[in-house]
């Protein structure tokens, strides 16, 4: 499975780069602090729905595209950690299945 880039890298290279915006200037446009934006751009913070909406309003990039990028990034990260997460599969017992079966209407 290929590793998708963190959305911060995309935002830095494909949005802010062509506009020649510094992190400080972009943070001002977005109405967020410089450290908040810097953490996102450096892959140290996840993209929130609110930040995605701010980016859409300011720069015209669709928030659903950005959030899909974040989801893809998260999925790969979790798949890489899957072996370290211990959860036993749920198995329905026969007697539980019998009790929860819907009742049939009585024939008159």
C-alpha atoms as a PDB file:
ATOM      1  CA  UNK A   1       0.000   0.000   0.000  1.00  0.00           C
ATOM      2  CA  UNK A   2       1.465   3.339  -0.977  1.00  0.00           C
ATOM      3  CA  UNK A   3       1.847   6.022   1.624  1.00  0.00           C
ATOM      4  CA  UNK A   4      -0.299   9.036   0.761  1.00  0.00           C
ATOM      5  CA  UNK A   5       1.194  12.390   1.710  1.00  0.00           C
ATOM      6  CA  UNK A   6      -0.020  14.323   4.718  1.00  0.00           C
ATOM      7  CA  UNK A   7      -2.419  17.038   3.486  1.00  0.00           C
ATOM      8  CA  UNK A   8      -0.114  19.675   4.971  1.00  0.00           C
ATOM      9  CA  UNK A   9       2.504  18.929   2.316  1.00  0.00           C
ATOM     10  CA  UNK A  10      -0.108  19.373  -0.426  1.00  0.00           C
ATOM     11  CA  UNK A  11      -1.319  22.645   1.071  1.00  0.00           C
ATOM     12  CA  UNK A  12       2.244  23.960   1.293  1.00  0.00           C
ATOM     13  CA  UNK A  13       3.320  23.002  -2.246  1.00  0.00           C
ATOM     14  CA  UNK A  14       0.094  23.250  -4.252  1.00  0.00           C
ATOM     15  CA  UNK A  15      -1.745  26.124  -2.592  1.00  0.00           C
ATOM     16  CA  UNK A  16       0.599  28.394  -0.675  1.00  0.00           C
ATOM     17  CA  UNK A  17       3.664  27.875  -2.889  1.00  0.00           C
ATOM     18  CA  UNK A  18       2.147  29.073  -6.182  1.00  0.00           C
ATOM     19  CA  UNK A  19       0.648  32.065  -4.374  1.00  0.00           C
ATOM     20  CA  UNK A  20       4.048  32.836  -2.822  1.00  0.00           C
ATOM     21  CA  UNK A  21       2.436  33.148   0.600  1.00  0.00           C
ATOM     22  CA  UNK A  22       4.510  32.844   3.734  1.00  0.00           C
ATOM     23  CA  UNK A  23       3.167  30.810   6.632  1.00  0.00           C
ATOM     24  CA  UNK A  24       2.605  34.039   8.551  1.00  0.00           C
ATOM     25  CA  UNK A  25       0.657  35.664   5.711  1.00  0.00           C
ATOM     26  CA  UNK A  26      -1.406  32.526   5.070  1.00  0.00           C
ATOM     27  CA  UNK A  27      -2.220  32.202   8.779  1.00  0.00           C
ATOM     28  CA  UNK A  28      -3.435  35.793   8.766  1.00  0.00           C
ATOM     29  CA  UNK A  29      -5.658  35.121   5.714  1.00  0.00           C
ATOM     30  CA  UNK A  30      -7.073  31.981   7.361  1.00  0.00           C
ATOM     31  CA  UNK A  31      -7.629  33.652  10.728  1.00  0.00           C
ATOM     32  CA  UNK A  32      -5.477  31.158  12.647  1.00  0.00           C
ATOM     33  CA  UNK A  33      -2.221  31.431  14.552  1.00  0.00           C
ATOM     34  CA  UNK A  34       1.084  30.900  12.786  1.00  0.00           C
ATOM     35  CA  UNK A  35       2.010  27.909  15.009  1.00  0.00           C
ATOM     36  CA  UNK A  36      -1.340  26.241  14.227  1.00  0.00           C
ATOM     37  CA  UNK A  37      -0.808  26.500  10.475  1.00  0.00           C
ATOM     38  CA  UNK A  38       2.871  25.600  10.727  1.00  0.00           C
ATOM     39  CA  UNK A  39       2.042  22.392  12.630  1.00  0.00           C
ATOM     40  CA  UNK A  40      -0.386  21.377   9.888  1.00  0.00           C
ATOM     41  CA  UNK A  41       2.013  22.196   7.052  1.00  0.00           C
ATOM     42  CA  UNK A  42       4.818  20.228   8.727  1.00  0.00           C
ATOM     43  CA  UNK A  43       2.629  17.148   9.236  1.00  0.00           C
ATOM     44  CA  UNK A  44       2.619  17.506  13.018  1.00  0.00           C
ATOM     45  CA  UNK A  45      -1.141  18.156  13.248  1.00  0.00           C
ATOM     46  CA  UNK A  46      -4.098  16.593  11.479  1.00  0.00           C
ATOM     47  CA  UNK A  47      -6.342  18.624   9.199  1.00  0.00           C
ATOM     48  CA  UNK A  48      -9.592  19.479  10.986  1.00  0.00           C
ATOM     49  CA  UNK A  49     -12.925  20.063   9.320  1.00  0.00           C
ATOM     50  CA  UNK A  50     -12.787  23.699  10.360  1.00  0.00           C
ATOM     51  CA  UNK A  51      -9.342  24.234   8.855  1.00  0.00           C
ATOM     52  CA  UNK A  52     -10.454  22.518   5.642  1.00  0.00           C
ATOM     53  CA  UNK A  53     -13.406  24.911   5.439  1.00  0.00           C
ATOM     54  CA  UNK A  54     -11.143  27.911   6.063  1.00  0.00           C
ATOM     55  CA  UNK A  55      -8.857  26.750   3.228  1.00  0.00           C
ATOM     56  CA  UNK A  56     -11.839  26.299   0.920  1.00  0.00           C
ATOM     57  CA  UNK A  57     -13.187  29.774   1.674  1.00  0.00           C
ATOM     58  CA  UNK A  58      -9.804  31.471   1.349  1.00  0.00           C
ATOM     59  CA  UNK A  59      -8.229  29.623  -1.575  1.00  0.00           C
ATOM     60  CA  UNK A  60     -11.029  27.772  -3.361  1.00  0.00           C
ATOM     61  CA  UNK A  61      -9.716  24.245  -2.777  1.00  0.00           C
ATOM     62  CA  UNK A  62     -12.608  21.911  -1.940  1.00  0.00           C
ATOM     63  CA  UNK A  63     -12.717  20.920   1.699  1.00  0.00           C
ATOM     64  CA  UNK A  64     -13.960  17.412   0.857  1.00  0.00           C
ATOM     65  CA  UNK A  65     -10.842  16.851  -1.250  1.00  0.00           C
ATOM     66  CA  UNK A  66      -8.605  17.913   1.626  1.00  0.00           C
ATOM     67  CA  UNK A  67     -10.515  15.803   4.154  1.00  0.00           C
ATOM     68  CA  UNK A  68     -10.306  12.754   1.870  1.00  0.00           C
ATOM     69  CA  UNK A  69      -6.543  13.268   1.777  1.00  0.00           C
ATOM     70  CA  UNK A  70      -6.484  13.330   5.586  1.00  0.00           C
ATOM     71  CA  UNK A  71      -8.648  10.186   5.761  1.00  0.00           C
ATOM     72  CA  UNK A  72      -6.369   8.333   3.318  1.00  0.00           C
ATOM     73  CA  UNK A  73      -3.340   9.349   5.348  1.00  0.00           C
ATOM     74  CA  UNK A  74      -5.012   8.194   8.583  1.00  0.00           C
ATOM     75  CA  UNK A  75      -6.081   4.841   7.096  1.00  0.00           C
ATOM     76  CA  UNK A  76      -2.538   3.966   6.040  1.00  0.00           C
ATOM     77  CA  UNK A  77      -1.182   5.012   9.453  1.00  0.00           C
ATOM     78  CA  UNK A  78      -3.700   2.810  11.253  1.00  0.00           C
ATOM     79  CA  UNK A  79      -3.090  -0.170   8.929  1.00  0.00           C
ATOM     80  CA  UNK A  80       0.595   0.096   9.794  1.00  0.00           C
ATOM     81  CA  UNK A  81      -0.303  -0.064  13.504  1.00  0.00           C
ATOM     82  CA  UNK A  82      -2.947  -2.793  13.167  1.00  0.00           C
ATOM     83  CA  UNK A  83      -0.844  -5.546  14.755  1.00  0.00           C
ATOM     84  CA  UNK A  84      -0.285  -3.478  17.890  1.00  0.00           C
ATOM     85  CA  UNK A  85      -4.025  -2.991  18.478  1.00  0.00           C
ATOM     86  CA  UNK A  86      -5.416  -5.994  20.319  1.00  0.00           C
ATOM     87  CA  UNK A  87      -9.139  -6.611  19.935  1.00  0.00           C
ATOM     88  CA  UNK A  88     -10.847  -9.991  19.869  1.00  0.00           C
ATOM     89  CA  UNK A  89     -13.492 -10.441  17.177  1.00  0.00           C
ATOM     90  CA  UNK A  90     -17.047 -10.526  18.475  1.00  0.00           C
ATOM     91  CA  UNK A  91     -18.678 -13.915  18.079  1.00  0.00           C
ATOM     92  CA  UNK A  92     -22.399 -14.194  18.527  1.00  0.00           C
ATOM     93  CA  UNK A  93     -23.380 -17.183  20.647  1.00  0.00           C
ATOM     94  CA  UNK A  94     -26.129 -19.498  19.421  1.00  0.00           C
ATOM     95  CA  UNK A  95     -28.399 -18.809  22.401  1.00  0.00           C
ATOM     96  CA  UNK A  96     -28.070 -15.033  21.830  1.00  0.00           C
ATOM     97  CA  UNK A  97     -29.029 -15.485  18.196  1.00  0.00           C
ATOM     98  CA  UNK A  98     -32.135 -17.439  19.201  1.00  0.00           C
ATOM     99  CA  UNK A  99     -33.270 -14.779  21.688  1.00  0.00           C
ATOM    100  CA  UNK A 100     -32.848 -11.893  19.302  1.00  0.00           C
ATOM    101  CA  UNK A 101     -34.575 -13.580  16.366  1.00  0.00           C
ATOM    102  CA  UNK A 102     -37.747 -11.720  15.396  1.00  0.00           C
ATOM    103  CA  UNK A 103     -40.985 -13.378  16.486  1.00  0.00           C
ATOM    104  CA  UNK A 104     -43.257 -14.719  13.832  1.00  0.00           C
ATOM    105  CA  UNK A 105     -46.872 -13.635  13.914  1.00  0.00           C
ATOM    106  CA  UNK A 106     -49.285 -16.302  15.145  1.00  0.00           C
ATOM    107  CA  UNK A 107     -51.608 -17.891  12.651  1.00  0.00           C
ATOM    108  CA  UNK A 108     -55.256 -17.549  13.713  1.00  0.00           C
END
